[in-house]
Amino acid sequence: MQSSFGATPDGLLDIEAVQKAINRSRASVYRYVNSDRQQLNPPYDPRKLNPELRTDHRDSLLFHPNEVARFARDVLKIRQVTVEVLNAPPTQTQELLTEILAELRQLRQLYESQVQHK
């Protein structure tokens, strides 16, 4: 199994990404997940797909790529497991911050060159 898909900005996978990675239906993925209506963060279960810790029941289920690979290999018995996370395309905010950083670097170079000439 080899999959490439997008992830959240912090590198975690949502349900759709896990579904694509392990080639299972959305319902199957939810059956595999270690979740409990009564308990926000149930203890680790090696036979289940364990999500990252949540602070609220309304938070989306997110999974670390290594956990998805472990589950596919150890529980689903998929022999070759490679989970490759591709960075999400840059947002307008990220592009703007990159431009601001470039301008700040130019200003710093200009300032340092003027300080050296004094």
PDB file of N, CA and C in Angstrom:
ATOM      1  N   MET A   1       0.845  -1.171   0.000  1.00  0.00           N
ATOM      2  CA  MET A   1       0.000   0.000   0.000  1.00  0.00           C
ATOM      3  C   MET A   1       0.884   1.225   0.000  1.00  0.00           C
ATOM      4  N   GLN A   2       0.698   2.094  -0.944  1.00  0.00           N
ATOM      5  CA  GLN A   2       1.437   3.340  -0.977  1.00  0.00           C
ATOM      6  C   GLN A   2       0.444   4.427  -1.301  1.00  0.00           C
ATOM      7  N   SER A   3       0.387   5.470  -0.464  1.00  0.00           N
ATOM      8  CA  SER A   3      -0.587   6.526  -0.661  1.00  0.00           C
ATOM      9  C   SER A   3       0.065   7.878  -0.520  1.00  0.00           C
ATOM     10  N   SER A   4      -0.420   8.826  -1.305  1.00  0.00           N
ATOM     11  CA  SER A   4      -0.007  10.216  -1.192  1.00  0.00           C
ATOM     12  C   SER A   4      -1.274  11.046  -1.117  1.00  0.00           C
ATOM     13  N   PHE A   5      -1.342  11.911  -0.133  1.00  0.00           N
ATOM     14  CA  PHE A   5      -2.539  12.714   0.019  1.00  0.00           C
ATOM     15  C   PHE A   5      -2.215  13.914   0.873  1.00  0.00           C
ATOM     16  N   GLY A   6      -3.129  14.855   0.904  1.00  0.00           N
ATOM     17  CA  GLY A   6      -2.940  16.062   1.681  1.00  0.00           C
ATOM     18  C   GLY A   6      -3.163  15.822   3.157  1.00  0.00           C
ATOM     19  N   ALA A   7      -2.717  16.769   3.945  1.00  0.00           N
ATOM     20  CA  ALA A   7      -2.865  16.664   5.385  1.00  0.00           C
ATOM     21  C   ALA A   7      -3.195  18.037   5.940  1.00  0.00           C
ATOM     22  N   THR A   8      -3.525  18.071   7.230  1.00  0.00           N
ATOM     23  CA  THR A   8      -3.744  19.352   7.883  1.00  0.00           C
ATOM     24  C   THR A   8      -2.404  20.071   7.987  1.00  0.00           C
ATOM     25  N   PRO A   9      -2.419  21.376   8.278  1.00  0.00           N
ATOM     26  CA  PRO A   9      -1.147  22.108   8.373  1.00  0.00           C
ATOM     27  C   PRO A   9      -0.154  21.504   9.366  1.00  0.00           C
ATOM     28  N   ASP A  10      -0.646  20.823  10.397  1.00  0.00           N
ATOM     29  CA  ASP A  10       0.269  20.219  11.368  1.00  0.00           C
ATOM     30  C   ASP A  10       0.624  18.774  11.014  1.00  0.00           C
ATOM     31  N   GLY A  11       0.275  18.328   9.805  1.00  0.00           N
ATOM     32  CA  GLY A  11       0.695  17.016   9.335  1.00  0.00           C
ATOM     33  C   GLY A  11      -0.199  15.861   9.729  1.00  0.00           C
ATOM     34  N   LEU A  12      -1.339  16.142  10.325  1.00  0.00           N
ATOM     35  CA  LEU A  12      -2.251  15.071  10.727  1.00  0.00           C
ATOM     36  C   LEU A  12      -3.239  14.768   9.607  1.00  0.00           C
ATOM     37  N   LEU A  13      -3.789  13.573   9.625  1.00  0.00           N
ATOM     38  CA  LEU A  13      -4.700  13.122   8.576  1.00  0.00           C
ATOM     39  C   LEU A  13      -6.135  13.113   9.075  1.00  0.00           C
ATOM     40  N   ASP A  14      -7.056  13.587   8.235  1.00  0.00           N
ATOM     41  CA  ASP A  14      -8.468  13.514   8.596  1.00  0.00           C
ATOM     42  C   ASP A  14      -9.049  12.179   8.123  1.00  0.00           C
ATOM     43  N   ILE A  15     -10.327  11.968   8.375  1.00  0.00           N
ATOM     44  CA  ILE A  15     -10.975  10.696   8.027  1.00  0.00           C
ATOM     45  C   ILE A  15     -10.854  10.389   6.538  1.00  0.00           C
ATOM     46  N   GLU A  16     -11.057  11.402   5.684  1.00  0.00           N
ATOM     47  CA  GLU A  16     -10.987  11.181   4.236  1.00  0.00           C
ATOM     48  C   GLU A  16      -9.593  10.725   3.815  1.00  0.00           C
ATOM     49  N   ALA A  17      -8.563  11.336   4.392  1.00  0.00           N
ATOM     50  CA  ALA A  17      -7.187  10.960   4.053  1.00  0.00           C
ATOM     51  C   ALA A  17      -6.885   9.537   4.513  1.00  0.00           C
ATOM     52  N   VAL A  18      -7.369   9.164   5.694  1.00  0.00           N
ATOM     53  CA  VAL A  18      -7.175   7.792   6.185  1.00  0.00           C
ATOM     54  C   VAL A  18      -7.906   6.812   5.271  1.00  0.00           C
ATOM     55  N   GLN A  19      -9.112   7.180   4.871  1.00  0.00           N
ATOM     56  CA  GLN A  19      -9.910   6.335   3.980  1.00  0.00           C
ATOM     57  C   GLN A  19      -9.143   6.048   2.694  1.00  0.00           C
ATOM     58  N   LYS A  20      -8.534   7.071   2.113  1.00  0.00           N
ATOM     59  CA  LYS A  20      -7.755   6.889   0.888  1.00  0.00           C
ATOM     60  C   LYS A  20      -6.491   6.067   1.159  1.00  0.00           C
ATOM     61  N   ALA A  21      -5.863   6.306   2.292  1.00  0.00           N
ATOM     62  CA  ALA A  21      -4.598   5.631   2.598  1.00  0.00           C
ATOM     63  C   ALA A  21      -4.772   4.129   2.762  1.00  0.00           C
ATOM     64  N   ILE A  22      -5.830   3.718   3.438  1.00  0.00           N
ATOM     65  CA  ILE A  22      -6.010   2.282   3.694  1.00  0.00           C
ATOM     66  C   ILE A  22      -7.008   1.640   2.734  1.00  0.00           C
ATOM     67  N   ASN A  23      -7.532   2.443   1.807  1.00  0.00           N
ATOM     68  CA  ASN A  23      -8.445   1.947   0.771  1.00  0.00           C
ATOM     69  C   ASN A  23      -9.640   1.213   1.376  1.00  0.00           C
ATOM     70  N   ARG A  24     -10.298   1.879   2.306  1.00  0.00           N
ATOM     71  CA  ARG A  24     -11.490   1.333   2.950  1.00  0.00           C
ATOM     72  C   ARG A  24     -12.596   2.379   2.901  1.00  0.00           C
ATOM     73  N   SER A  25     -13.825   1.953   3.096  1.00  0.00           N
ATOM     74  CA  SER A  25     -14.957   2.877   3.086  1.00  0.00           C
ATOM     75  C   SER A  25     -14.919   3.760   4.334  1.00  0.00           C
ATOM     76  N   ARG A  26     -15.618   4.873   4.247  1.00  0.00           N
ATOM     77  CA  ARG A  26     -15.699   5.793   5.376  1.00  0.00           C
ATOM     78  C   ARG A  26     -16.284   5.081   6.604  1.00  0.00           C
ATOM     79  N   ALA A  27     -17.327   4.279   6.387  1.00  0.00           N
ATOM     80  CA  ALA A  27     -17.944   3.543   7.497  1.00  0.00           C
ATOM     81  C   ALA A  27     -16.945   2.587   8.141  1.00  0.00           C
ATOM     82  N   SER A  28     -16.134   1.929   7.328  1.00  0.00           N
ATOM     83  CA  SER A  28     -15.121   1.017   7.873  1.00  0.00           C
ATOM     84  C   SER A  28     -14.114   1.770   8.721  1.00  0.00           C
ATOM     85  N   VAL A  29     -13.687   2.926   8.239  1.00  0.00           N
ATOM     86  CA  VAL A  29     -12.716   3.715   9.003  1.00  0.00           C
ATOM     87  C   VAL A  29     -13.302   4.068  10.360  1.00  0.00           C
ATOM     88  N   TYR A  30     -14.561   4.505  10.396  1.00  0.00           N
ATOM     89  CA  TYR A  30     -15.189   4.840  11.677  1.00  0.00           C
ATOM     90  C   TYR A  30     -15.292   3.614  12.584  1.00  0.00           C
ATOM     91  N   ARG A  31     -15.508   2.425  12.025  1.00  0.00           N
ATOM     92  CA  ARG A  31     -15.547   1.209  12.850  1.00  0.00           C
ATOM     93  C   ARG A  31     -14.180   0.894  13.443  1.00  0.00           C
ATOM     94  N   TYR A  32     -13.116   1.214  12.719  1.00  0.00           N
ATOM     95  CA  TYR A  32     -11.759   0.932  13.189  1.00  0.00           C
ATOM     96  C   TYR A  32     -11.292   1.900  14.275  1.00  0.00           C
ATOM     97  N   VAL A  33     -11.886   3.080  14.336  1.00  0.00           N
ATOM     98  CA  VAL A  33     -11.393   4.144  15.218  1.00  0.00           C
ATOM     99  C   VAL A  33     -11.647   3.816  16.687  1.00  0.00           C
ATOM    100  N   ASN A  34     -10.655   4.096  17.499  1.00  0.00           N
ATOM    101  CA  ASN A  34     -10.759   3.946  18.951  1.00  0.00           C
ATOM    102  C   ASN A  34     -11.446   5.198  19.493  1.00  0.00           C
ATOM    103  N   SER A  35     -12.771   5.157  19.578  1.00  0.00           N
ATOM    104  CA  SER A  35     -13.520   6.304  20.095  1.00  0.00           C
ATOM    105  C   SER A  35     -14.641   5.799  20.990  1.00  0.00           C
ATOM    106  N   ASP A  36     -15.118   6.683  21.830  1.00  0.00           N
ATOM    107  CA  ASP A  36     -16.148   6.329  22.793  1.00  0.00           C
ATOM    108  C   ASP A  36     -16.994   7.573  23.045  1.00  0.00           C
ATOM    109  N   ARG A  37     -18.311   7.431  22.998  1.00  0.00           N
ATOM    110  CA  ARG A  37     -19.191   8.585  23.230  1.00  0.00           C
ATOM    111  C   ARG A  37     -19.075   9.106  24.661  1.00  0.00           C
ATOM    112  N   GLN A  38     -18.782   8.222  25.593  1.00  0.00           N
ATOM    113  CA  GLN A  38     -18.713   8.606  26.999  1.00  0.00           C
ATOM    114  C   GLN A  38     -17.362   9.198  27.389  1.00  0.00           C
ATOM    115  N   GLN A  39     -16.330   8.857  26.659  1.00  0.00           N
ATOM    116  CA  GLN A  39     -14.971   9.240  27.030  1.00  0.00           C
ATOM    117  C   GLN A  39     -14.334   9.992  25.867  1.00  0.00           C
ATOM    118  N   LEU A  40     -13.824  11.185  26.137  1.00  0.00           N
ATOM    119  CA  LEU A  40     -13.256  12.021  25.076  1.00  0.00           C
ATOM    120  C   LEU A  40     -12.022  11.386  24.451  1.00  0.00           C
ATOM    121  N   ASN A  41     -11.076  10.966  25.263  1.00  0.00           N
ATOM    122  CA  ASN A  41      -9.834  10.361  24.783  1.00  0.00           C
ATOM    123  C   ASN A  41      -9.640   8.998  25.442  1.00  0.00           C
ATOM    124  N   PRO A  42     -10.185   7.939  24.835  1.00  0.00           N
ATOM    125  CA  PRO A  42     -10.032   6.611  25.441  1.00  0.00           C
ATOM    126  C   PRO A  42      -8.575   6.165  25.437  1.00  0.00           C
ATOM    127  N   PRO A  43      -8.217   5.222  26.313  1.00  0.00           N
ATOM    128  CA  PRO A  43      -6.834   4.739  26.361  1.00  0.00           C
ATOM    129  C   PRO A  43      -6.426   4.067  25.048  1.00  0.00           C
ATOM    130  N   TYR A  44      -5.136   4.035  24.816  1.00  0.00           N
ATOM    131  CA  TYR A  44      -4.574   3.438  23.601  1.00  0.00           C
ATOM    132  C   TYR A  44      -5.014   1.987  23.468  1.00  0.00           C
ATOM    133  N   ASP A  45      -5.439   1.614  22.278  1.00  0.00           N
ATOM    134  CA  ASP A  45      -5.841   0.237  21.995  1.00  0.00           C
ATOM    135  C   ASP A  45      -5.085  -0.225  20.749  1.00  0.00           C
ATOM    136  N   PRO A  46      -4.172  -1.195  20.883  1.00  0.00           N
ATOM    137  CA  PRO A  46      -3.366  -1.627  19.739  1.00  0.00           C
ATOM    138  C   PRO A  46      -4.175  -2.292  18.626  1.00  0.00           C
ATOM    139  N   ARG A  47      -5.419  -2.683  18.905  1.00  0.00           N
ATOM    140  CA  ARG A  47      -6.257  -3.312  17.877  1.00  0.00           C
ATOM    141  C   ARG A  47      -7.122  -2.302  17.133  1.00  0.00           C
ATOM    142  N   LYS A  48      -7.027  -1.033  17.517  1.00  0.00           N
ATOM    143  CA  LYS A  48      -7.849   0.022  16.916  1.00  0.00           C
ATOM    144  C   LYS A  48      -6.966   1.095  16.294  1.00  0.00           C
ATOM    145  N   LEU A  49      -7.591   1.963  15.513  1.00  0.00           N
ATOM    146  CA  LEU A  49      -6.931   3.126  14.932  1.00  0.00           C
ATOM    147  C   LEU A  49      -7.103   4.268  15.927  1.00  0.00           C
ATOM    148  N   ASN A  50      -6.009   4.676  16.552  1.00  0.00           N
ATOM    149  CA  ASN A  50      -6.061   5.641  17.646  1.00  0.00           C
ATOM    150  C   ASN A  50      -5.872   7.067  17.137  1.00  0.00           C
ATOM    151  N   PRO A  51      -6.881   7.933  17.356  1.00  0.00           N
ATOM    152  CA  PRO A  51      -6.747   9.327  16.920  1.00  0.00           C
ATOM    153  C   PRO A  51      -5.864  10.123  17.872  1.00  0.00           C
ATOM    154  N   GLU A  52      -5.477  11.300  17.419  1.00  0.00           N
ATOM    155  CA  GLU A  52      -4.746  12.225  18.278  1.00  0.00           C
ATOM    156  C   GLU A  52      -5.685  12.712  19.375  1.00  0.00           C
ATOM    157  N   LEU A  53      -5.122  13.228  20.455  1.00  0.00           N
ATOM    158  CA  LEU A  53      -5.933  13.706  21.573  1.00  0.00           C
ATOM    159  C   LEU A  53      -6.797  14.882  21.140  1.00  0.00           C
ATOM    160  N   ARG A  54      -8.016  14.920  21.660  1.00  0.00           N
ATOM    161  CA  ARG A  54      -8.950  16.008  21.356  1.00  0.00           C
ATOM    162  C   ARG A  54      -9.275  16.754  22.636  1.00  0.00           C
ATOM    163  N   THR A  55      -9.698  18.002  22.496  1.00  0.00           N
ATOM    164  CA  THR A  55     -10.084  18.799  23.660  1.00  0.00           C
ATOM    165  C   THR A  55     -11.596  18.892  23.804  1.00  0.00           C
ATOM    166  N   ASP A  56     -12.328  18.507  22.743  1.00  0.00           N
ATOM    167  CA  ASP A  56     -13.783  18.601  22.752  1.00  0.00           C
ATOM    168  C   ASP A  56     -14.349  17.502  21.851  1.00  0.00           C
ATOM    169  N   HIS A  57     -15.533  17.000  22.189  1.00  0.00           N
ATOM    170  CA  HIS A  57     -16.163  15.957  21.369  1.00  0.00           C
ATOM    171  C   HIS A  57     -16.474  16.450  19.960  1.00  0.00           C
ATOM    172  N   ARG A  58     -16.623  17.759  19.784  1.00  0.00           N
ATOM    173  CA  ARG A  58     -16.929  18.309  18.460  1.00  0.00           C
ATOM    174  C   ARG A  58     -15.698  18.436  17.577  1.00  0.00           C
ATOM    175  N   ASP A  59     -14.496  18.284  18.142  1.00  0.00           N
ATOM    176  CA  ASP A  59     -13.269  18.345  17.341  1.00  0.00           C
ATOM    177  C   ASP A  59     -13.247  17.185  16.349  1.00  0.00           C
ATOM    178  N   SER A  60     -12.708  17.447  15.174  1.00  0.00           N
ATOM    179  CA  SER A  60     -12.585  16.395  14.160  1.00  0.00           C
ATOM    180  C   SER A  60     -11.594  15.334  14.625  1.00  0.00           C
ATOM    181  N   LEU A  61     -11.819  14.114  14.178  1.00  0.00           N
ATOM    182  CA  LEU A  61     -10.854  13.049  14.437  1.00  0.00           C
ATOM    183  C   LEU A  61      -9.677  13.237  13.491  1.00  0.00           C
ATOM    184  N   LEU A  62      -8.479  13.316  14.049  1.00  0.00           N
ATOM    185  CA  LEU A  62      -7.255  13.466  13.267  1.00  0.00           C
ATOM    186  C   LEU A  62      -6.288  12.364  13.676  1.00  0.00           C
ATOM    187  N   PHE A  63      -5.478  11.912  12.712  1.00  0.00           N
ATOM    188  CA  PHE A  63      -4.600  10.774  12.948  1.00  0.00           C
ATOM    189  C   PHE A  63      -3.187  11.091  12.502  1.00  0.00           C
ATOM    190  N   HIS A  64      -2.214  10.626  13.273  1.00  0.00           N
ATOM    191  CA  HIS A  64      -0.814  10.781  12.888  1.00  0.00           C
ATOM    192  C   HIS A  64      -0.525   9.758  11.790  1.00  0.00           C
ATOM    193  N   PRO A  65       0.240  10.146  10.754  1.00  0.00           N
ATOM    194  CA  PRO A  65       0.546   9.206   9.668  1.00  0.00           C
ATOM    195  C   PRO A  65       1.187   7.898  10.151  1.00  0.00           C
ATOM    196  N   ASN A  66       2.025   7.970  11.182  1.00  0.00           N
ATOM    197  CA  ASN A  66       2.649   6.746  11.704  1.00  0.00           C
ATOM    198  C   ASN A  66       1.615   5.805  12.318  1.00  0.00           C
ATOM    199  N   GLU A  67       0.586   6.372  12.943  1.00  0.00           N
ATOM    200  CA  GLU A  67      -0.470   5.546  13.532  1.00  0.00           C
ATOM    201  C   GLU A  67      -1.277   4.860  12.431  1.00  0.00           C
ATOM    202  N   VAL A  68      -1.541   5.569  11.351  1.00  0.00           N
ATOM    203  CA  VAL A  68      -2.270   4.972  10.226  1.00  0.00           C
ATOM    204  C   VAL A  68      -1.447   3.834   9.624  1.00  0.00           C
ATOM    205  N   ALA A  69      -0.156   4.057   9.454  1.00  0.00           N
ATOM    206  CA  ALA A  69       0.724   3.020   8.905  1.00  0.00           C
ATOM    207  C   ALA A  69       0.784   1.814   9.840  1.00  0.00           C
ATOM    208  N   ARG A  70       0.893   2.055  11.150  1.00  0.00           N
ATOM    209  CA  ARG A  70       0.930   0.955  12.128  1.00  0.00           C
ATOM    210  C   ARG A  70      -0.351   0.138  12.056  1.00  0.00           C
ATOM    211  N   PHE A  71      -1.474   0.819  12.030  1.00  0.00           N
ATOM    212  CA  PHE A  71      -2.761   0.130  11.988  1.00  0.00           C
ATOM    213  C   PHE A  71      -2.890  -0.706  10.711  1.00  0.00           C
ATOM    214  N   ALA A  72      -2.516  -0.136   9.580  1.00  0.00           N
ATOM    215  CA  ALA A  72      -2.609  -0.857   8.304  1.00  0.00           C
ATOM    216  C   ALA A  72      -1.715  -2.096   8.312  1.00  0.00           C
ATOM    217  N   ARG A  73      -0.527  -1.955   8.849  1.00  0.00           N
ATOM    218  CA  ARG A  73       0.445  -3.060   8.865  1.00  0.00           C
ATOM    219  C   ARG A  73       0.063  -4.127   9.896  1.00  0.00           C
ATOM    220  N   ASP A  74      -0.194  -3.709  11.132  1.00  0.00           N
ATOM    221  CA  ASP A  74      -0.376  -4.661  12.230  1.00  0.00           C
ATOM    222  C   ASP A  74      -1.786  -5.239  12.330  1.00  0.00           C
ATOM    223  N   VAL A  75      -2.796  -4.436  12.053  1.00  0.00           N
ATOM    224  CA  VAL A  75      -4.171  -4.896  12.237  1.00  0.00           C
ATOM    225  C   VAL A  75      -4.785  -5.374  10.923  1.00  0.00           C
ATOM    226  N   LEU A  76      -4.639  -4.570   9.873  1.00  0.00           N
ATOM    227  CA  LEU A  76      -5.224  -4.947   8.585  1.00  0.00           C
ATOM    228  C   LEU A  76      -4.335  -5.905   7.804  1.00  0.00           C
ATOM    229  N   LYS A  77      -3.109  -6.095   8.270  1.00  0.00           N
ATOM    230  CA  LYS A  77      -2.149  -7.019   7.647  1.00  0.00           C
ATOM    231  C   LYS A  77      -1.813  -6.639   6.203  1.00  0.00           C
ATOM    232  N   ILE A  78      -1.761  -5.352   5.935  1.00  0.00           N
ATOM    233  CA  ILE A  78      -1.305  -4.880   4.633  1.00  0.00           C
ATOM    234  C   ILE A  78       0.210  -4.936   4.679  1.00  0.00           C
ATOM    235  N   ARG A  79       0.818  -5.692   3.785  1.00  0.00           N
ATOM    236  CA  ARG A  79       2.255  -5.982   3.874  1.00  0.00           C
ATOM    237  C   ARG A  79       3.136  -4.756   3.720  1.00  0.00           C
ATOM    238  N   GLN A  80       3.045  -4.088   2.601  1.00  0.00           N
ATOM    239  CA  GLN A  80       3.897  -2.918   2.394  1.00  0.00           C
ATOM    240  C   GLN A  80       3.083  -1.664   2.666  1.00  0.00           C
ATOM    241  N   VAL A  81       3.510  -0.933   3.654  1.00  0.00           N
ATOM    242  CA  VAL A  81       2.789   0.272   4.031  1.00  0.00           C
ATOM    243  C   VAL A  81       3.725   1.459   3.917  1.00  0.00           C
ATOM    244  N   THR A  82       3.362   2.397   3.078  1.00  0.00           N
ATOM    245  CA  THR A  82       4.096   3.652   2.959  1.00  0.00           C
ATOM    246  C   THR A  82       3.069   4.765   2.949  1.00  0.00           C
ATOM    247  N   VAL A  83       3.091   5.588   3.959  1.00  0.00           N
ATOM    248  CA  VAL A  83       2.192   6.733   4.012  1.00  0.00           C
ATOM    249  C   VAL A  83       3.038   7.963   3.770  1.00  0.00           C
ATOM    250  N   GLU A  84       2.771   8.632   2.670  1.00  0.00           N
ATOM    251  CA  GLU A  84       3.524   9.824   2.300  1.00  0.00           C
ATOM    252  C   GLU A  84       2.583  11.012   2.396  1.00  0.00           C
ATOM    253  N   VAL A  85       2.920  11.970   3.230  1.00  0.00           N
ATOM    254  CA  VAL A  85       2.079  13.141   3.427  1.00  0.00           C
ATOM    255  C   VAL A  85       2.621  14.281   2.585  1.00  0.00           C
ATOM    256  N   LEU A  86       1.773  14.807   1.731  1.00  0.00           N
ATOM    257  CA  LEU A  86       2.153  15.948   0.913  1.00  0.00           C
ATOM    258  C   LEU A  86       1.649  17.213   1.584  1.00  0.00           C
ATOM    259  N   ASN A  87       2.453  18.260   1.511  1.00  0.00           N
ATOM    260  CA  ASN A  87       2.025  19.523   2.096  1.00  0.00           C
ATOM    261  C   ASN A  87       0.827  20.062   1.338  1.00  0.00           C
ATOM    262  N   ALA A  88      -0.072  20.657   2.077  1.00  0.00           N
ATOM    263  CA  ALA A  88      -1.239  21.277   1.460  1.00  0.00           C
ATOM    264  C   ALA A  88      -0.782  22.475   0.636  1.00  0.00           C
ATOM    265  N   PRO A  89      -1.514  22.810  -0.423  1.00  0.00           N
ATOM    266  CA  PRO A  89      -1.122  23.973  -1.214  1.00  0.00           C
ATOM    267  C   PRO A  89      -1.138  25.227  -0.342  1.00  0.00           C
ATOM    268  N   PRO A  90      -0.233  26.168  -0.625  1.00  0.00           N
ATOM    269  CA  PRO A  90      -0.159  27.363   0.216  1.00  0.00           C
ATOM    270  C   PRO A  90      -1.450  28.179   0.159  1.00  0.00           C
ATOM    271  N   THR A  91      -1.822  28.692   1.297  1.00  0.00           N
ATOM    272  CA  THR A  91      -3.007  29.541   1.372  1.00  0.00           C
ATOM    273  C   THR A  91      -2.599  30.981   1.107  1.00  0.00           C
ATOM    274  N   GLN A  92      -3.581  31.857   0.948  1.00  0.00           N
ATOM    275  CA  GLN A  92      -3.285  33.274   0.743  1.00  0.00           C
ATOM    276  C   GLN A  92      -2.514  33.830   1.936  1.00  0.00           C
ATOM    277  N   THR A  93      -2.865  33.394   3.125  1.00  0.00           N
ATOM    278  CA  THR A  93      -2.180  33.864   4.328  1.00  0.00           C
ATOM    279  C   THR A  93      -0.719  33.447   4.306  1.00  0.00           C
ATOM    280  N   GLN A  94      -0.448  32.196   3.950  1.00  0.00           N
ATOM    281  CA  GLN A  94       0.937  31.731   3.894  1.00  0.00           C
ATOM    282  C   GLN A  94       1.727  32.491   2.837  1.00  0.00           C
ATOM    283  N   GLU A  95       1.111  32.757   1.680  1.00  0.00           N
ATOM    284  CA  GLU A  95       1.789  33.506   0.626  1.00  0.00           C
ATOM    285  C   GLU A  95       2.095  34.928   1.083  1.00  0.00           C
ATOM    286  N   LEU A  96       1.133  35.557   1.760  1.00  0.00           N
ATOM    287  CA  LEU A  96       1.337  36.912   2.265  1.00  0.00           C
ATOM    288  C   LEU A  96       2.455  36.940   3.301  1.00  0.00           C
ATOM    289  N   LEU A  97       2.470  35.973   4.197  1.00  0.00           N
ATOM    290  CA  LEU A  97       3.526  35.915   5.210  1.00  0.00           C
ATOM    291  C   LEU A  97       4.897  35.698   4.574  1.00  0.00           C
ATOM    292  N   THR A  98       4.964  34.914   3.522  1.00  0.00           N
ATOM    293  CA  THR A  98       6.227  34.696   2.810  1.00  0.00           C
ATOM    294  C   THR A  98       6.712  35.993   2.177  1.00  0.00           C
ATOM    295  N   GLU A  99       5.792  36.758   1.589  1.00  0.00           N
ATOM    296  CA  GLU A  99       6.150  38.049   0.995  1.00  0.00           C
ATOM    297  C   GLU A  99       6.626  39.029   2.066  1.00  0.00           C
ATOM    298  N   ILE A 100       5.949  39.059   3.203  1.00  0.00           N
ATOM    299  CA  ILE A 100       6.347  39.949   4.303  1.00  0.00           C
ATOM    300  C   ILE A 100       7.735  39.575   4.796  1.00  0.00           C
ATOM    301  N   LEU A 101       8.001  38.283   4.933  1.00  0.00           N
ATOM    302  CA  LEU A 101       9.316  37.823   5.377  1.00  0.00           C
ATOM    303  C   LEU A 101      10.399  38.252   4.396  1.00  0.00           C
ATOM    304  N   ALA A 102      10.131  38.145   3.102  1.00  0.00           N
ATOM    305  CA  ALA A 102      11.108  38.565   2.091  1.00  0.00           C
ATOM    306  C   ALA A 102      11.390  40.063   2.206  1.00  0.00           C
ATOM    307  N   GLU A 103      10.346  40.867   2.411  1.00  0.00           N
ATOM    308  CA  GLU A 103      10.534  42.316   2.568  1.00  0.00           C
ATOM    309  C   GLU A 103      11.330  42.630   3.828  1.00  0.00           C
ATOM    310  N   LEU A 104      11.038  41.936   4.916  1.00  0.00           N
ATOM    311  CA  LEU A 104      11.780  42.166   6.159  1.00  0.00           C
ATOM    312  C   LEU A 104      13.257  41.826   5.983  1.00  0.00           C
ATOM    313  N   ARG A 105      13.548  40.772   5.264  1.00  0.00           N
ATOM    314  CA  ARG A 105      14.945  40.405   5.009  1.00  0.00           C
ATOM    315  C   ARG A 105      15.647  41.477   4.182  1.00  0.00           C
ATOM    316  N   GLN A 106      14.950  42.032   3.192  1.00  0.00           N
ATOM    317  CA  GLN A 106      15.529  43.105   2.386  1.00  0.00           C
ATOM    318  C   GLN A 106      15.797  44.339   3.245  1.00  0.00           C
ATOM    319  N   LEU A 107      14.849  44.682   4.109  1.00  0.00           N
ATOM    320  CA  LEU A 107      15.030  45.833   4.998  1.00  0.00           C
ATOM    321  C   LEU A 107      16.212  45.617   5.938  1.00  0.00           C
ATOM    322  N   ARG A 108      16.358  44.417   6.448  1.00  0.00           N
ATOM    323  CA  ARG A 108      17.477  44.120   7.347  1.00  0.00           C
ATOM    324  C   ARG A 108      18.810  44.259   6.619  1.00  0.00           C
ATOM    325  N   GLN A 109      18.884  43.744   5.395  1.00  0.00           N
ATOM    326  CA  GLN A 109      20.120  43.876   4.618  1.00  0.00           C
ATOM    327  C   GLN A 109      20.445  45.343   4.366  1.00  0.00           C
ATOM    328  N   LEU A 110      19.437  46.130   4.023  1.00  0.00           N
ATOM    329  CA  LEU A 110      19.637  47.557   3.783  1.00  0.00           C
ATOM    330  C   LEU A 110      20.119  48.245   5.055  1.00  0.00           C
ATOM    331  N   TYR A 111      19.482  47.949   6.179  1.00  0.00           N
ATOM    332  CA  TYR A 111      19.862  48.534   7.461  1.00  0.00           C
ATOM    333  C   TYR A 111      21.299  48.162   7.823  1.00  0.00           C
ATOM    334  N   GLU A 112      21.649  46.882   7.691  1.00  0.00           N
ATOM    335  CA  GLU A 112      22.999  46.443   8.040  1.00  0.00           C
ATOM    336  C   GLU A 112      24.050  47.065   7.129  1.00  0.00           C
ATOM    337  N   SER A 113      23.717  47.265   5.863  1.00  0.00           N
ATOM    338  CA  SER A 113      24.688  47.902   4.956  1.00  0.00           C
ATOM    339  C   SER A 113      24.878  49.373   5.312  1.00  0.00           C
ATOM    340  N   GLN A 114      23.837  50.048   5.776  1.00  0.00           N
ATOM    341  CA  GLN A 114      23.952  51.455   6.174  1.00  0.00           C
ATOM    342  C   GLN A 114      24.718  51.589   7.486  1.00  0.00           C
ATOM    343  N   VAL A 115      24.535  50.664   8.403  1.00  0.00           N
ATOM    344  CA  VAL A 115      25.240  50.699   9.685  1.00  0.00           C
ATOM    345  C   VAL A 115      26.733  50.473   9.464  1.00  0.00           C
ATOM    346  N   GLN A 116      27.101  49.625   8.529  1.00  0.00           N
ATOM    347  CA  GLN A 116      28.510  49.337   8.260  1.00  0.00           C
ATOM    348  C   GLN A 116      29.215  50.531   7.633  1.00  0.00           C
ATOM    349  N   HIS A 117      28.511  51.384   6.897  1.00  0.00           N
ATOM    350  CA  HIS A 117      29.117  52.533   6.232  1.00  0.00           C
ATOM    351  C   HIS A 117      29.328  53.704   7.182  1.00  0.00           C
ATOM    352  N   LYS A 118      28.808  53.663   8.380  1.00  0.00           N
ATOM    353  CA  LYS A 118      28.964  54.780   9.323  1.00  0.00           C
ATOM    354  C   LYS A 118      30.252  54.696  10.067  1.00  0.00           C
TER     355      LYS A 118
END
